[in-house]
Amino acid sequence: MTTKYPRDPDSTIRILKTFYKMGDVGAMYYYNDLWDLEAAEKSGEQEVAARELEGLIIEMRAFERTHGRGSCLQLEHPSVIALIAKGHYPDDVIGNAQGVEWTPAAYPGWEYPGVLPRNKDTSSK
């Protein structure tokens, strides 16, 4: 049995959206369960986002049942490229992703919030 670790719903939603853009439904499913997003106390907006993400997970898992594990993976995503280089994804997952084209449609233009660059003139050393 997996021990669940309640987490701030906003952080969980942001991370799940990032995995969605990567097409990593396995990670989405795992962290959605681990951080128990369903049981977390959420605002109305967070509840809508959580339900939408749950629906996306269901759709992606159905796609992968038809096209193979990893077929949603976005091979051009910078994080996926880095993980492939580190040997994170097995060959069959990469092969399934190369064999079909699944495109994330939710969250157009959404990007994970980045870190602001440091101002070299005012940064302390």
Protein backbone atom coordinates (compact mmCIF):
# COMPACT_ATOMS: atom_id res chain seq x y z
CA MET A 1 0.00 0.00 0.00
CA THR A 2 1.31 3.43 -0.92
CA THR A 3 1.65 5.97 1.86
CA LYS A 4 -0.08 9.15 0.79
CA TYR A 5 1.47 12.53 1.48
CA PRO A 6 -1.01 15.42 1.49
CA ARG A 7 0.40 18.36 -0.41
CA ASP A 8 -0.70 21.86 -1.22
CA PRO A 9 -3.26 21.46 -4.01
CA ASP A 10 -1.91 24.43 -5.97
CA SER A 11 1.58 22.91 -6.12
CA THR A 12 0.19 19.50 -7.06
CA ILE A 13 -1.95 21.00 -9.83
CA ARG A 14 1.04 22.90 -11.27
CA ILE A 15 3.21 19.79 -11.23
CA LEU A 16 0.48 17.65 -12.81
CA LYS A 17 0.04 20.26 -15.55
CA THR A 18 3.78 20.08 -16.22
CA PHE A 19 3.65 16.28 -16.52
CA TYR A 20 0.62 16.70 -18.81
CA LYS A 21 2.60 18.97 -21.15
CA MET A 22 5.38 16.34 -21.11
CA GLY A 23 2.81 13.65 -21.92
CA ASP A 24 3.94 11.59 -18.93
CA VAL A 25 0.65 10.07 -17.83
CA GLY A 26 2.41 7.57 -15.58
CA ALA A 27 3.91 10.40 -13.54
CA MET A 28 0.56 12.22 -13.50
CA TYR A 29 -1.23 9.15 -12.18
CA TYR A 30 1.45 8.38 -9.60
CA TYR A 31 1.70 11.90 -8.13
CA ASN A 32 -2.05 12.53 -8.26
CA ASP A 33 -2.43 9.43 -6.07
CA LEU A 34 0.66 9.98 -3.87
CA TRP A 35 -0.25 13.56 -3.02
CA ASP A 36 -3.92 12.59 -2.69
CA LEU A 37 -5.25 15.54 -4.66
CA GLU A 38 -8.77 14.14 -4.51
CA ALA A 39 -8.83 14.32 -0.69
CA ALA A 40 -7.04 17.66 -0.36
CA GLU A 41 -9.06 20.68 0.72
CA LYS A 42 -9.37 22.84 -2.40
CA SER A 43 -10.82 26.18 -3.41
CA GLY A 44 -13.53 26.17 -6.09
CA GLU A 45 -10.96 27.00 -8.77
CA GLN A 46 -8.62 24.27 -7.56
CA GLU A 47 -11.51 21.77 -7.54
CA VAL A 48 -12.28 22.56 -11.18
CA ALA A 49 -8.60 22.17 -12.13
CA ALA A 50 -8.31 18.88 -10.20
CA ARG A 51 -11.36 17.41 -11.93
CA GLU A 52 -10.04 18.54 -15.31
CA LEU A 53 -6.69 16.88 -14.62
CA GLU A 54 -8.40 13.67 -13.49
CA GLY A 55 -10.31 13.65 -16.80
CA LEU A 56 -7.09 14.20 -18.74
CA ILE A 57 -5.44 11.29 -16.94
CA ILE A 58 -8.37 9.05 -17.88
CA GLU A 59 -8.18 10.15 -21.55
CA MET A 60 -4.41 9.70 -21.70
CA ARG A 61 -4.54 6.25 -20.09
CA ALA A 62 -7.18 5.20 -22.64
CA PHE A 63 -4.94 6.47 -25.47
CA GLU A 64 -1.99 4.53 -24.07
CA ARG A 65 -4.08 1.35 -23.72
CA THR A 66 -4.65 1.56 -27.48
CA HIS A 67 -1.23 2.82 -28.60
CA GLY A 68 1.11 1.45 -25.92
CA ARG A 69 2.75 2.68 -22.76
CA GLY A 70 4.39 6.06 -23.29
CA SER A 71 2.54 6.91 -26.49
CA CYS A 72 1.50 10.30 -25.05
CA LEU A 73 5.10 11.28 -24.33
CA GLN A 74 6.12 14.55 -26.02
CA LEU A 75 9.58 13.79 -27.38
CA GLU A 76 10.29 17.44 -28.22
CA HIS A 77 9.60 18.68 -24.67
CA PRO A 78 12.88 19.90 -23.08
CA SER A 79 12.33 17.93 -19.86
CA VAL A 80 11.55 14.75 -21.81
CA ILE A 81 14.68 15.24 -23.91
CA ALA A 82 16.76 15.59 -20.74
CA LEU A 83 15.17 12.52 -19.14
CA ILE A 84 15.74 10.44 -22.29
CA ALA A 85 19.40 11.47 -22.24
CA LYS A 86 19.61 10.21 -18.64
CA GLY A 87 18.02 6.88 -19.59
CA HIS A 88 14.83 7.53 -17.60
CA TYR A 89 12.40 6.15 -20.18
CA PRO A 90 12.68 2.55 -21.43
CA ASP A 91 13.14 1.92 -25.16
CA ASP A 92 9.58 0.59 -25.60
CA VAL A 93 8.14 3.84 -24.18
CA ILE A 94 10.22 5.95 -26.55
CA GLY A 95 9.29 3.67 -29.46
CA ASN A 96 5.59 3.99 -28.66
CA ALA A 97 5.90 7.77 -28.49
CA GLN A 98 7.63 7.81 -31.89
CA GLY A 99 4.94 5.63 -33.44
CA VAL A 100 1.93 7.90 -32.81
CA GLU A 101 1.12 11.54 -32.36
CA TRP A 102 -0.75 12.64 -29.27
CA THR A 103 -0.89 16.38 -28.75
CA PRO A 104 -1.76 18.00 -25.43
CA ALA A 105 -4.74 20.24 -26.08
CA ALA A 106 -5.43 21.57 -22.60
CA TYR A 107 -3.67 24.62 -21.19
CA PRO A 108 -2.62 26.25 -24.48
CA GLY A 109 0.15 28.71 -23.83
CA TRP A 110 0.51 27.55 -20.23
CA GLU A 111 4.10 27.30 -19.10
CA TYR A 112 5.58 26.32 -15.78
CA PRO A 113 6.45 29.53 -13.94
CA GLY A 114 10.17 30.14 -14.32
CA VAL A 115 12.67 31.67 -12.01
CA LEU A 116 13.36 35.31 -12.65
CA PRO A 117 16.92 35.96 -13.81
CA ARG A 118 19.19 37.57 -11.27
CA ASN A 119 20.12 41.17 -11.71
CA LYS A 120 23.93 41.03 -11.78
CA ASP A 121 24.18 44.65 -10.67
CA THR A 122 22.18 44.14 -7.47
CA SER A 123 22.91 40.49 -6.61
CA SER A 124 25.16 39.76 -3.70
CA LYS A 125 28.03 37.35 -4.21
